[in-house]
Amino acid sequence: MNILWKKHFESFDTANHTGFICHSLDEDFAGCITASSITETQEKVMFITSLFVPEQFRGLGIGTELISMCISKLQSMDTKFIIMPNIIVPEIIQPLLIRTGFEKINSGYLLAL
């Protein structure tokens, strides 16, 4: 599973997208986050399109740090809202989103910047 996420991130088209990848001190893949705009003309609203931390690295704060870094980057890009659709949000990540300021809205999560 780690190889699949790593390949997805490395082959990611960067137009209208942003993201971060995390490696361990041993250069093992330790997680990633990506975000993209809804359309090419709508950069004020971004979607979190992936957030993954391999099981062996969970509980170390990597997910929290990835979300914080992504939020900071999107703020610097003058983004006004970040959306995480519920269809990709496992229950284990929901408390993390609430702690980082996201609000549950209908079937997803929203962060107003």
PDB file of N, CA and C in Angstrom:
ATOM      1  N   MET A   1       0.830  -1.192   0.000  1.00  0.00           N
ATOM      2  CA  MET A   1       0.000   0.000   0.000  1.00  0.00           C
ATOM      3  C   MET A   1       0.872   1.253   0.000  1.00  0.00           C
ATOM      4  N   ASN A   2       1.970   1.264   0.741  1.00  0.00           N
ATOM      5  CA  ASN A   2       2.845   2.437   0.800  1.00  0.00           C
ATOM      6  C   ASN A   2       3.386   2.802  -0.574  1.00  0.00           C
ATOM      7  N   ILE A   3       3.745   1.797  -1.351  1.00  0.00           N
ATOM      8  CA  ILE A   3       4.308   2.042  -2.675  1.00  0.00           C
ATOM      9  C   ILE A   3       3.269   2.690  -3.579  1.00  0.00           C
ATOM     10  N   LEU A   4       2.009   2.262  -3.473  1.00  0.00           N
ATOM     11  CA  LEU A   4       0.934   2.839  -4.277  1.00  0.00           C
ATOM     12  C   LEU A   4       0.790   4.331  -3.995  1.00  0.00           C
ATOM     13  N   TRP A   5       0.741   4.729  -2.717  1.00  0.00           N
ATOM     14  CA  TRP A   5       0.603   6.147  -2.354  1.00  0.00           C
ATOM     15  C   TRP A   5       1.824   6.942  -2.782  1.00  0.00           C
ATOM     16  N   LYS A   6       2.992   6.374  -2.585  1.00  0.00           N
ATOM     17  CA  LYS A   6       4.215   7.081  -2.965  1.00  0.00           C
ATOM     18  C   LYS A   6       4.255   7.323  -4.471  1.00  0.00           C
ATOM     19  N   LYS A   7       3.911   6.319  -5.271  1.00  0.00           N
ATOM     20  CA  LYS A   7       3.899   6.484  -6.728  1.00  0.00           C
ATOM     21  C   LYS A   7       2.843   7.490  -7.153  1.00  0.00           C
ATOM     22  N   HIS A   8       1.675   7.463  -6.503  1.00  0.00           N
ATOM     23  CA  HIS A   8       0.618   8.428  -6.811  1.00  0.00           C
ATOM     24  C   HIS A   8       1.124   9.848  -6.573  1.00  0.00           C
ATOM     25  N   PHE A   9       1.789  10.070  -5.457  1.00  0.00           N
ATOM     26  CA  PHE A   9       2.267  11.404  -5.121  1.00  0.00           C
ATOM     27  C   PHE A   9       3.371  11.848  -6.061  1.00  0.00           C
ATOM     28  N   GLU A  10       4.312  10.968  -6.368  1.00  0.00           N
ATOM     29  CA  GLU A  10       5.443  11.343  -7.214  1.00  0.00           C
ATOM     30  C   GLU A  10       5.031  11.616  -8.657  1.00  0.00           C
ATOM     31  N   SER A  11       3.929  11.009  -9.120  1.00  0.00           N
ATOM     32  CA  SER A  11       3.484  11.238 -10.492  1.00  0.00           C
ATOM     33  C   SER A  11       2.416  12.316 -10.569  1.00  0.00           C
ATOM     34  N   PHE A  12       2.194  13.021  -9.476  1.00  0.00           N
ATOM     35  CA  PHE A  12       1.128  14.006  -9.348  1.00  0.00           C
ATOM     36  C   PHE A  12       1.370  15.191 -10.262  1.00  0.00           C
ATOM     37  N   ASP A  13       0.363  15.574 -11.027  1.00  0.00           N
ATOM     38  CA  ASP A  13       0.419  16.769 -11.866  1.00  0.00           C
ATOM     39  C   ASP A  13       0.319  17.992 -10.956  1.00  0.00           C
ATOM     40  N   THR A  14       1.278  18.882 -11.009  1.00  0.00           N
ATOM     41  CA  THR A  14       1.336  19.981 -10.050  1.00  0.00           C
ATOM     42  C   THR A  14       0.515  21.206 -10.434  1.00  0.00           C
ATOM     43  N   ALA A  15      -0.046  21.267 -11.621  1.00  0.00           N
ATOM     44  CA  ALA A  15      -0.875  22.411 -11.998  1.00  0.00           C
ATOM     45  C   ALA A  15      -2.131  22.423 -11.136  1.00  0.00           C
ATOM     46  N   ASN A  16      -2.380  23.545 -10.444  1.00  0.00           N
ATOM     47  CA  ASN A  16      -3.543  23.717  -9.563  1.00  0.00           C
ATOM     48  C   ASN A  16      -3.568  22.736  -8.397  1.00  0.00           C
ATOM     49  N   HIS A  17      -2.415  22.232  -8.013  1.00  0.00           N
ATOM     50  CA  HIS A  17      -2.310  21.281  -6.913  1.00  0.00           C
ATOM     51  C   HIS A  17      -1.149  21.689  -6.008  1.00  0.00           C
ATOM     52  N   THR A  18      -1.222  21.244  -4.779  1.00  0.00           N
ATOM     53  CA  THR A  18      -0.111  21.413  -3.857  1.00  0.00           C
ATOM     54  C   THR A  18      -0.065  20.189  -2.964  1.00  0.00           C
ATOM     55  N   GLY A  19       1.063  19.955  -2.343  1.00  0.00           N
ATOM     56  CA  GLY A  19       1.152  18.807  -1.453  1.00  0.00           C
ATOM     57  C   GLY A  19       2.507  18.679  -0.808  1.00  0.00           C
ATOM     58  N   PHE A  20       2.563  17.746   0.120  1.00  0.00           N
ATOM     59  CA  PHE A  20       3.794  17.479   0.863  1.00  0.00           C
ATOM     60  C   PHE A  20       3.949  15.976   1.025  1.00  0.00           C
ATOM     61  N   ILE A  21       5.192  15.543   1.089  1.00  0.00           N
ATOM     62  CA  ILE A  21       5.494  14.146   1.340  1.00  0.00           C
ATOM     63  C   ILE A  21       6.470  14.088   2.505  1.00  0.00           C
ATOM     64  N   CYS A  22       6.330  13.083   3.333  1.00  0.00           N
ATOM     65  CA  CYS A  22       7.165  12.933   4.519  1.00  0.00           C
ATOM     66  C   CYS A  22       7.961  11.637   4.419  1.00  0.00           C
ATOM     67  N   HIS A  23       9.240  11.711   4.782  1.00  0.00           N
ATOM     68  CA  HIS A  23      10.106  10.536   4.837  1.00  0.00           C
ATOM     69  C   HIS A  23      10.663  10.391   6.246  1.00  0.00           C
ATOM     70  N   SER A  24      10.947   9.167   6.629  1.00  0.00           N
ATOM     71  CA  SER A  24      11.605   8.916   7.911  1.00  0.00           C
ATOM     72  C   SER A  24      13.093   9.238   7.766  1.00  0.00           C
ATOM     73  N   LEU A  25      13.818   9.176   8.872  1.00  0.00           N
ATOM     74  CA  LEU A  25      15.272   9.391   8.819  1.00  0.00           C
ATOM     75  C   LEU A  25      15.961   8.347   7.951  1.00  0.00           C
ATOM     76  N   ASP A  26      15.330   7.182   7.818  1.00  0.00           N
ATOM     77  CA  ASP A  26      15.863   6.113   6.964  1.00  0.00           C
ATOM     78  C   ASP A  26      15.376   6.222   5.527  1.00  0.00           C
ATOM     79  N   GLU A  27      14.728   7.345   5.196  1.00  0.00           N
ATOM     80  CA  GLU A  27      14.186   7.615   3.865  1.00  0.00           C
ATOM     81  C   GLU A  27      12.991   6.733   3.492  1.00  0.00           C
ATOM     82  N   ASP A  28      12.312   6.146   4.488  1.00  0.00           N
ATOM     83  CA  ASP A  28      11.081   5.398   4.235  1.00  0.00           C
ATOM     84  C   ASP A  28       9.942   6.392   4.031  1.00  0.00           C
ATOM     85  N   PHE A  29       9.006   6.050   3.166  1.00  0.00           N
ATOM     86  CA  PHE A  29       7.814   6.877   2.958  1.00  0.00           C
ATOM     87  C   PHE A  29       7.012   6.879   4.252  1.00  0.00           C
ATOM     88  N   ALA A  30       6.733   8.083   4.803  1.00  0.00           N
ATOM     89  CA  ALA A  30       6.036   8.188   6.088  1.00  0.00           C
ATOM     90  C   ALA A  30       4.713   8.937   5.993  1.00  0.00           C
ATOM     91  N   GLY A  31       4.348   9.411   4.798  1.00  0.00           N
ATOM     92  CA  GLY A  31       3.053  10.046   4.652  1.00  0.00           C
ATOM     93  C   GLY A  31       3.036  11.095   3.562  1.00  0.00           C
ATOM     94  N   CYS A  32       1.807  11.502   3.199  1.00  0.00           N
ATOM     95  CA  CYS A  32       1.649  12.550   2.195  1.00  0.00           C
ATOM     96  C   CYS A  32       0.289  13.210   2.342  1.00  0.00           C
ATOM     97  N   ILE A  33       0.194  14.407   1.806  1.00  0.00           N
ATOM     98  CA  ILE A  33      -1.065  15.135   1.715  1.00  0.00           C
ATOM     99  C   ILE A  33      -1.043  15.895   0.400  1.00  0.00           C
ATOM    100  N   THR A  34      -2.183  15.941  -0.275  1.00  0.00           N
ATOM    101  CA  THR A  34      -2.310  16.715  -1.504  1.00  0.00           C
ATOM    102  C   THR A  34      -3.618  17.492  -1.468  1.00  0.00           C
ATOM    103  N   ALA A  35      -3.631  18.609  -2.173  1.00  0.00           N
ATOM    104  CA  ALA A  35      -4.825  19.436  -2.289  1.00  0.00           C
ATOM    105  C   ALA A  35      -4.880  19.988  -3.707  1.00  0.00           C
ATOM    106  N   SER A  36      -6.098  20.199  -4.191  1.00  0.00           N
ATOM    107  CA  SER A  36      -6.251  20.768  -5.524  1.00  0.00           C
ATOM    108  C   SER A  36      -7.460  21.690  -5.557  1.00  0.00           C
ATOM    109  N   SER A  37      -7.436  22.605  -6.526  1.00  0.00           N
ATOM    110  CA  SER A  37      -8.565  23.520  -6.689  1.00  0.00           C
ATOM    111  C   SER A  37      -9.716  22.779  -7.353  1.00  0.00           C
ATOM    112  N   ILE A  38     -10.915  23.307  -7.165  1.00  0.00           N
ATOM    113  CA  ILE A  38     -12.100  22.695  -7.749  1.00  0.00           C
ATOM    114  C   ILE A  38     -12.030  22.777  -9.271  1.00  0.00           C
ATOM    115  N   THR A  39     -11.719  23.945  -9.765  1.00  0.00           N
ATOM    116  CA  THR A  39     -11.538  24.155 -11.202  1.00  0.00           C
ATOM    117  C   THR A  39     -10.307  25.026 -11.387  1.00  0.00           C
ATOM    118  N   GLU A  40      -9.852  25.137 -12.604  1.00  0.00           N
ATOM    119  CA  GLU A  40      -8.674  25.961 -12.889  1.00  0.00           C
ATOM    120  C   GLU A  40      -8.902  27.425 -12.565  1.00  0.00           C
ATOM    121  N   THR A  41     -10.140  27.885 -12.601  1.00  0.00           N
ATOM    122  CA  THR A  41     -10.438  29.293 -12.355  1.00  0.00           C
ATOM    123  C   THR A  41     -10.870  29.565 -10.918  1.00  0.00           C
ATOM    124  N   GLN A  42     -10.942  28.542 -10.084  1.00  0.00           N
ATOM    125  CA  GLN A  42     -11.411  28.711  -8.706  1.00  0.00           C
ATOM    126  C   GLN A  42     -10.326  28.268  -7.728  1.00  0.00           C
ATOM    127  N   GLU A  43      -9.359  29.164  -7.452  1.00  0.00           N
ATOM    128  CA  GLU A  43      -8.276  28.827  -6.533  1.00  0.00           C
ATOM    129  C   GLU A  43      -8.594  29.193  -5.095  1.00  0.00           C
ATOM    130  N   LYS A  44      -9.708  29.851  -4.832  1.00  0.00           N
ATOM    131  CA  LYS A  44     -10.068  30.273  -3.472  1.00  0.00           C
ATOM    132  C   LYS A  44     -10.608  29.115  -2.637  1.00  0.00           C
ATOM    133  N   VAL A  45     -11.061  28.052  -3.300  1.00  0.00           N
ATOM    134  CA  VAL A  45     -11.586  26.872  -2.620  1.00  0.00           C
ATOM    135  C   VAL A  45     -10.740  25.679  -3.050  1.00  0.00           C
ATOM    136  N   MET A  46     -10.156  24.992  -2.074  1.00  0.00           N
ATOM    137  CA  MET A  46      -9.300  23.840  -2.369  1.00  0.00           C
ATOM    138  C   MET A  46      -9.863  22.595  -1.692  1.00  0.00           C
ATOM    139  N   PHE A  47      -9.648  21.454  -2.322  1.00  0.00           N
ATOM    140  CA  PHE A  47     -10.029  20.160  -1.780  1.00  0.00           C
ATOM    141  C   PHE A  47      -8.785  19.420  -1.302  1.00  0.00           C
ATOM    142  N   ILE A  48      -8.853  18.816  -0.124  1.00  0.00           N
ATOM    143  CA  ILE A  48      -7.815  17.858   0.274  1.00  0.00           C
ATOM    144  C   ILE A  48      -8.125  16.593  -0.517  1.00  0.00           C
ATOM    145  N   THR A  49      -7.228  16.213  -1.403  1.00  0.00           N
ATOM    146  CA  THR A  49      -7.474  15.072  -2.281  1.00  0.00           C
ATOM    147  C   THR A  49      -6.852  13.787  -1.766  1.00  0.00           C
ATOM    148  N   SER A  50      -5.861  13.897  -0.896  1.00  0.00           N
ATOM    149  CA  SER A  50      -5.314  12.694  -0.265  1.00  0.00           C
ATOM    150  C   SER A  50      -4.598  13.073   1.022  1.00  0.00           C
ATOM    151  N   LEU A  51      -4.681  12.178   1.973  1.00  0.00           N
ATOM    152  CA  LEU A  51      -3.948  12.277   3.238  1.00  0.00           C
ATOM    153  C   LEU A  51      -3.701  10.849   3.671  1.00  0.00           C
ATOM    154  N   PHE A  52      -2.436  10.483   3.746  1.00  0.00           N
ATOM    155  CA  PHE A  52      -2.107   9.103   4.093  1.00  0.00           C
ATOM    156  C   PHE A  52      -0.840   9.059   4.931  1.00  0.00           C
ATOM    157  N   VAL A  53      -0.909   8.312   6.020  1.00  0.00           N
ATOM    158  CA  VAL A  53       0.254   8.017   6.856  1.00  0.00           C
ATOM    159  C   VAL A  53       0.250   6.496   7.056  1.00  0.00           C
ATOM    160  N   PRO A  54       1.330   5.807   6.654  1.00  0.00           N
ATOM    161  CA  PRO A  54       1.379   4.361   6.844  1.00  0.00           C
ATOM    162  C   PRO A  54       1.220   3.981   8.313  1.00  0.00           C
ATOM    163  N   GLU A  55       0.653   2.832   8.544  1.00  0.00           N
ATOM    164  CA  GLU A  55       0.326   2.393   9.901  1.00  0.00           C
ATOM    165  C   GLU A  55       1.508   2.469  10.860  1.00  0.00           C
ATOM    166  N   GLN A  56       2.697   2.090  10.410  1.00  0.00           N
ATOM    167  CA  GLN A  56       3.855   2.082  11.308  1.00  0.00           C
ATOM    168  C   GLN A  56       4.295   3.476  11.741  1.00  0.00           C
ATOM    169  N   PHE A  57       3.798   4.522  11.068  1.00  0.00           N
ATOM    170  CA  PHE A  57       4.153   5.895  11.421  1.00  0.00           C
ATOM    171  C   PHE A  57       3.008   6.661  12.073  1.00  0.00           C
ATOM    172  N   ARG A  58       1.874   6.013  12.271  1.00  0.00           N
ATOM    173  CA  ARG A  58       0.726   6.686  12.882  1.00  0.00           C
ATOM    174  C   ARG A  58       0.968   6.884  14.376  1.00  0.00           C
ATOM    175  N   GLY A  59       0.381   7.935  14.917  1.00  0.00           N
ATOM    176  CA  GLY A  59       0.533   8.245  16.332  1.00  0.00           C
ATOM    177  C   GLY A  59       1.757   9.082  16.646  1.00  0.00           C
ATOM    178  N   LEU A  60       2.487   9.497  15.624  1.00  0.00           N
ATOM    179  CA  LEU A  60       3.701  10.296  15.815  1.00  0.00           C
ATOM    180  C   LEU A  60       3.487  11.776  15.510  1.00  0.00           C
ATOM    181  N   GLY A  61       2.270  12.141  15.125  1.00  0.00           N
ATOM    182  CA  GLY A  61       1.981  13.537  14.802  1.00  0.00           C
ATOM    183  C   GLY A  61       2.241  13.903  13.351  1.00  0.00           C
ATOM    184  N   ILE A  62       2.541  12.923  12.527  1.00  0.00           N
ATOM    185  CA  ILE A  62       2.842  13.204  11.115  1.00  0.00           C
ATOM    186  C   ILE A  62       1.609  13.745  10.397  1.00  0.00           C
ATOM    187  N   GLY A  63       0.446  13.127  10.617  1.00  0.00           N
ATOM    188  CA  GLY A  63      -0.788  13.602   9.985  1.00  0.00           C
ATOM    189  C   GLY A  63      -1.101  15.031  10.374  1.00  0.00           C
ATOM    190  N   THR A  64      -0.947  15.343  11.656  1.00  0.00           N
ATOM    191  CA  THR A  64      -1.189  16.702  12.143  1.00  0.00           C
ATOM    192  C   THR A  64      -0.239  17.689  11.470  1.00  0.00           C
ATOM    193  N   GLU A  65       1.013  17.324  11.387  1.00  0.00           N
ATOM    194  CA  GLU A  65       2.006  18.203  10.767  1.00  0.00           C
ATOM    195  C   GLU A  65       1.738  18.377   9.279  1.00  0.00           C
ATOM    196  N   LEU A  66       1.375  17.304   8.582  1.00  0.00           N
ATOM    197  CA  LEU A  66       1.062  17.407   7.161  1.00  0.00           C
ATOM    198  C   LEU A  66      -0.125  18.345   6.928  1.00  0.00           C
ATOM    199  N   ILE A  67      -1.176  18.208   7.743  1.00  0.00           N
ATOM    200  CA  ILE A  67      -2.343  19.084   7.610  1.00  0.00           C
ATOM    201  C   ILE A  67      -1.950  20.527   7.904  1.00  0.00           C
ATOM    202  N   SER A  68      -1.162  20.755   8.956  1.00  0.00           N
ATOM    203  CA  SER A  68      -0.736  22.120   9.299  1.00  0.00           C
ATOM    204  C   SER A  68       0.083  22.751   8.184  1.00  0.00           C
ATOM    205  N   MET A  69       1.000  21.989   7.614  1.00  0.00           N
ATOM    206  CA  MET A  69       1.819  22.500   6.523  1.00  0.00           C
ATOM    207  C   MET A  69       0.960  22.832   5.303  1.00  0.00           C
ATOM    208  N   CYS A  70       0.005  21.964   5.014  1.00  0.00           N
ATOM    209  CA  CYS A  70      -0.871  22.182   3.865  1.00  0.00           C
ATOM    210  C   CYS A  70      -1.736  23.423   4.077  1.00  0.00           C
ATOM    211  N   ILE A  71      -2.290  23.578   5.274  1.00  0.00           N
ATOM    212  CA  ILE A  71      -3.106  24.755   5.586  1.00  0.00           C
ATOM    213  C   ILE A  71      -2.277  26.032   5.421  1.00  0.00           C
ATOM    214  N   SER A  72      -1.063  26.035   5.956  1.00  0.00           N
ATOM    215  CA  SER A  72      -0.187  27.213   5.836  1.00  0.00           C
ATOM    216  C   SER A  72       0.100  27.542   4.375  1.00  0.00           C
ATOM    217  N   LYS A  73       0.401  26.527   3.592  1.00  0.00           N
ATOM    218  CA  LYS A  73       0.682  26.736   2.165  1.00  0.00           C
ATOM    219  C   LYS A  73      -0.541  27.305   1.453  1.00  0.00           C
ATOM    220  N   LEU A  74      -1.722  26.727   1.734  1.00  0.00           N
ATOM    221  CA  LEU A  74      -2.941  27.201   1.075  1.00  0.00           C
ATOM    222  C   LEU A  74      -3.296  28.616   1.506  1.00  0.00           C
ATOM    223  N   GLN A  75      -3.037  28.973   2.760  1.00  0.00           N
ATOM    224  CA  GLN A  75      -3.253  30.349   3.209  1.00  0.00           C
ATOM    225  C   GLN A  75      -2.360  31.306   2.431  1.00  0.00           C
ATOM    226  N   SER A  76      -1.115  30.922   2.213  1.00  0.00           N
ATOM    227  CA  SER A  76      -0.185  31.783   1.476  1.00  0.00           C
ATOM    228  C   SER A  76      -0.592  31.927   0.009  1.00  0.00           C
ATOM    229  N   MET A  77      -1.417  31.012  -0.472  1.00  0.00           N
ATOM    230  CA  MET A  77      -1.926  31.066  -1.852  1.00  0.00           C
ATOM    231  C   MET A  77      -3.264  31.808  -1.917  1.00  0.00           C
ATOM    232  N   ASP A  78      -3.654  32.435  -0.792  1.00  0.00           N
ATOM    233  CA  ASP A  78      -4.896  33.215  -0.697  1.00  0.00           C
ATOM    234  C   ASP A  78      -6.151  32.357  -0.816  1.00  0.00           C
ATOM    235  N   THR A  79      -6.059  31.098  -0.386  1.00  0.00           N
ATOM    236  CA  THR A  79      -7.214  30.202  -0.347  1.00  0.00           C
ATOM    237  C   THR A  79      -8.140  30.665   0.765  1.00  0.00           C
ATOM    238  N   LYS A  80      -9.429  30.604   0.534  1.00  0.00           N
ATOM    239  CA  LYS A  80     -10.414  31.038   1.530  1.00  0.00           C
ATOM    240  C   LYS A  80     -11.081  29.861   2.239  1.00  0.00           C
ATOM    241  N   PHE A  81     -11.227  28.727   1.546  1.00  0.00           N
ATOM    242  CA  PHE A  81     -11.872  27.551   2.129  1.00  0.00           C
ATOM    243  C   PHE A  81     -11.135  26.288   1.716  1.00  0.00           C
ATOM    244  N   ILE A  82     -11.036  25.345   2.664  1.00  0.00           N
ATOM    245  CA  ILE A  82     -10.489  24.026   2.377  1.00  0.00           C
ATOM    246  C   ILE A  82     -11.591  23.024   2.691  1.00  0.00           C
ATOM    247  N   ILE A  83     -11.848  22.137   1.748  1.00  0.00           N
ATOM    248  CA  ILE A  83     -12.896  21.128   1.903  1.00  0.00           C
ATOM    249  C   ILE A  83     -12.275  19.740   1.868  1.00  0.00           C
ATOM    250  N   MET A  84     -12.736  18.892   2.769  1.00  0.00           N
ATOM    251  CA  MET A  84     -12.370  17.480   2.717  1.00  0.00           C
ATOM    252  C   MET A  84     -13.677  16.705   2.587  1.00  0.00           C
ATOM    253  N   PRO A  85     -13.937  16.163   1.396  1.00  0.00           N
ATOM    254  CA  PRO A  85     -15.180  15.415   1.202  1.00  0.00           C
ATOM    255  C   PRO A  85     -15.240  14.196   2.115  1.00  0.00           C
ATOM    256  N   ASN A  86     -16.407  13.908   2.640  1.00  0.00           N
ATOM    257  CA  ASN A  86     -16.582  12.795   3.569  1.00  0.00           C
ATOM    258  C   ASN A  86     -16.303  11.440   2.924  1.00  0.00           C
ATOM    259  N   ILE A  87     -16.397  11.346   1.619  1.00  0.00           N
ATOM    260  CA  ILE A  87     -16.214  10.055   0.973  1.00  0.00           C
ATOM    261  C   ILE A  87     -14.800   9.495   1.164  1.00  0.00           C
ATOM    262  N   ILE A  88     -13.847  10.345   1.560  1.00  0.00           N
ATOM    263  CA  ILE A  88     -12.478   9.856   1.747  1.00  0.00           C
ATOM    264  C   ILE A  88     -11.989  10.022   3.189  1.00  0.00           C
ATOM    265  N   VAL A  89     -12.883  10.297   4.130  1.00  0.00           N
ATOM    266  CA  VAL A  89     -12.456  10.570   5.498  1.00  0.00           C
ATOM    267  C   VAL A  89     -12.758   9.364   6.403  1.00  0.00           C
ATOM    268  N   PRO A  90     -11.747   8.563   6.707  1.00  0.00           N
ATOM    269  CA  PRO A  90     -11.971   7.461   7.644  1.00  0.00           C
ATOM    270  C   PRO A  90     -12.226   8.000   9.057  1.00  0.00           C
ATOM    271  N   GLU A  91     -12.936   7.232   9.845  1.00  0.00           N
ATOM    272  CA  GLU A  91     -13.279   7.655  11.211  1.00  0.00           C
ATOM    273  C   GLU A  91     -12.054   8.041  12.028  1.00  0.00           C
ATOM    274  N   ILE A  92     -10.947   7.373  11.830  1.00  0.00           N
ATOM    275  CA  ILE A  92      -9.735   7.640  12.615  1.00  0.00           C
ATOM    276  C   ILE A  92      -9.203   9.055  12.384  1.00  0.00           C
ATOM    277  N   ILE A  93      -9.480   9.657  11.219  1.00  0.00           N
ATOM    278  CA  ILE A  93      -8.970  10.984  10.887  1.00  0.00           C
ATOM    279  C   ILE A  93      -9.915  12.090  11.353  1.00  0.00           C
ATOM    280  N   GLN A  94     -11.169  11.783  11.592  1.00  0.00           N
ATOM    281  CA  GLN A  94     -12.144  12.808  11.940  1.00  0.00           C
ATOM    282  C   GLN A  94     -11.755  13.634  13.165  1.00  0.00           C
ATOM    283  N   PRO A  95     -11.292  13.050  14.277  1.00  0.00           N
ATOM    284  CA  PRO A  95     -10.870  13.882  15.422  1.00  0.00           C
ATOM    285  C   PRO A  95      -9.694  14.810  15.078  1.00  0.00           C
ATOM    286  N   LEU A  96      -8.789  14.349  14.238  1.00  0.00           N
ATOM    287  CA  LEU A  96      -7.658  15.171  13.804  1.00  0.00           C
ATOM    288  C   LEU A  96      -8.161  16.403  13.051  1.00  0.00           C
ATOM    289  N   LEU A  97      -9.133  16.219  12.182  1.00  0.00           N
ATOM    290  CA  LEU A  97      -9.674  17.356  11.435  1.00  0.00           C
ATOM    291  C   LEU A  97     -10.321  18.368  12.368  1.00  0.00           C
ATOM    292  N   ILE A  98     -11.077  17.901  13.330  1.00  0.00           N
ATOM    293  CA  ILE A  98     -11.734  18.800  14.297  1.00  0.00           C
ATOM    294  C   ILE A  98     -10.672  19.576  15.092  1.00  0.00           C
ATOM    295  N   ARG A  99      -9.613  18.889  15.546  1.00  0.00           N
ATOM    296  CA  ARG A  99      -8.544  19.550  16.308  1.00  0.00           C
ATOM    297  C   ARG A  99      -7.821  20.613  15.489  1.00  0.00           C
ATOM    298  N   THR A 100      -7.743  20.424  14.176  1.00  0.00           N
ATOM    299  CA  THR A 100      -7.018  21.388  13.347  1.00  0.00           C
ATOM    300  C   THR A 100      -7.931  22.476  12.790  1.00  0.00           C
ATOM    301  N   GLY A 101      -9.196  22.522  13.250  1.00  0.00           N
ATOM    302  CA  GLY A 101     -10.070  23.631  12.902  1.00  0.00           C
ATOM    303  C   GLY A 101     -11.145  23.342  11.878  1.00  0.00           C
ATOM    304  N   PHE A 102     -11.153  22.149  11.309  1.00  0.00           N
ATOM    305  CA  PHE A 102     -12.200  21.809  10.349  1.00  0.00           C
ATOM    306  C   PHE A 102     -13.525  21.655  11.081  1.00  0.00           C
ATOM    307  N   GLU A 103     -14.601  21.959  10.374  1.00  0.00           N
ATOM    308  CA  GLU A 103     -15.950  21.836  10.906  1.00  0.00           C
ATOM    309  C   GLU A 103     -16.707  20.824  10.060  1.00  0.00           C
ATOM    310  N   LYS A 104     -17.424  19.903  10.710  1.00  0.00           N
ATOM    311  CA  LYS A 104     -18.212  18.930   9.955  1.00  0.00           C
ATOM    312  C   LYS A 104     -19.419  19.650   9.366  1.00  0.00           C
ATOM    313  N   ILE A 105     -19.529  19.602   8.056  1.00  0.00           N
ATOM    314  CA  ILE A 105     -20.634  20.233   7.332  1.00  0.00           C
ATOM    315  C   ILE A 105     -21.257  19.167   6.431  1.00  0.00           C
ATOM    316  N   ASN A 106     -22.499  18.799   6.740  1.00  0.00           N
ATOM    317  CA  ASN A 106     -23.205  17.784   5.957  1.00  0.00           C
ATOM    318  C   ASN A 106     -22.354  16.540   5.774  1.00  0.00           C
ATOM    319  N   SER A 107     -21.916  16.270   4.550  1.00  0.00           N
ATOM    320  CA  SER A 107     -21.199  15.028   4.287  1.00  0.00           C
ATOM    321  C   SER A 107     -19.690  15.210   4.188  1.00  0.00           C
ATOM    322  N   GLY A 108     -19.168  16.319   4.674  1.00  0.00           N
ATOM    323  CA  GLY A 108     -17.740  16.538   4.592  1.00  0.00           C
ATOM    324  C   GLY A 108     -17.241  17.458   5.691  1.00  0.00           C
ATOM    325  N   TYR A 109     -16.051  17.991   5.507  1.00  0.00           N
ATOM    326  CA  TYR A 109     -15.428  18.883   6.477  1.00  0.00           C
ATOM    327  C   TYR A 109     -14.996  20.161   5.767  1.00  0.00           C
ATOM    328  N   LEU A 110     -15.113  21.284   6.451  1.00  0.00           N
ATOM    329  CA  LEU A 110     -14.804  22.590   5.880  1.00  0.00           C
ATOM    330  C   LEU A 110     -13.932  23.371   6.850  1.00  0.00           C
ATOM    331  N   LEU A 111     -12.917  24.037   6.317  1.00  0.00           N
ATOM    332  CA  LEU A 111     -12.096  24.944   7.090  1.00  0.00           C
ATOM    333  C   LEU A 111     -12.129  26.294   6.409  1.00  0.00           C
ATOM    334  N   ALA A 112     -12.657  27.305   7.102  1.00  0.00           N
ATOM    335  CA  ALA A 112     -12.661  28.674   6.584  1.00  0.00           C
ATOM    336  C   ALA A 112     -11.378  29.339   7.045  1.00  0.00           C
ATOM    337  N   LEU A 113     -10.615  29.873   6.109  1.00  0.00           N
ATOM    338  CA  LEU A 113      -9.335  30.508   6.443  1.00  0.00           C
ATOM    339  C   LEU A 113      -9.476  32.000   6.586  1.00  0.00           C
TER     340      LEU A 113
END
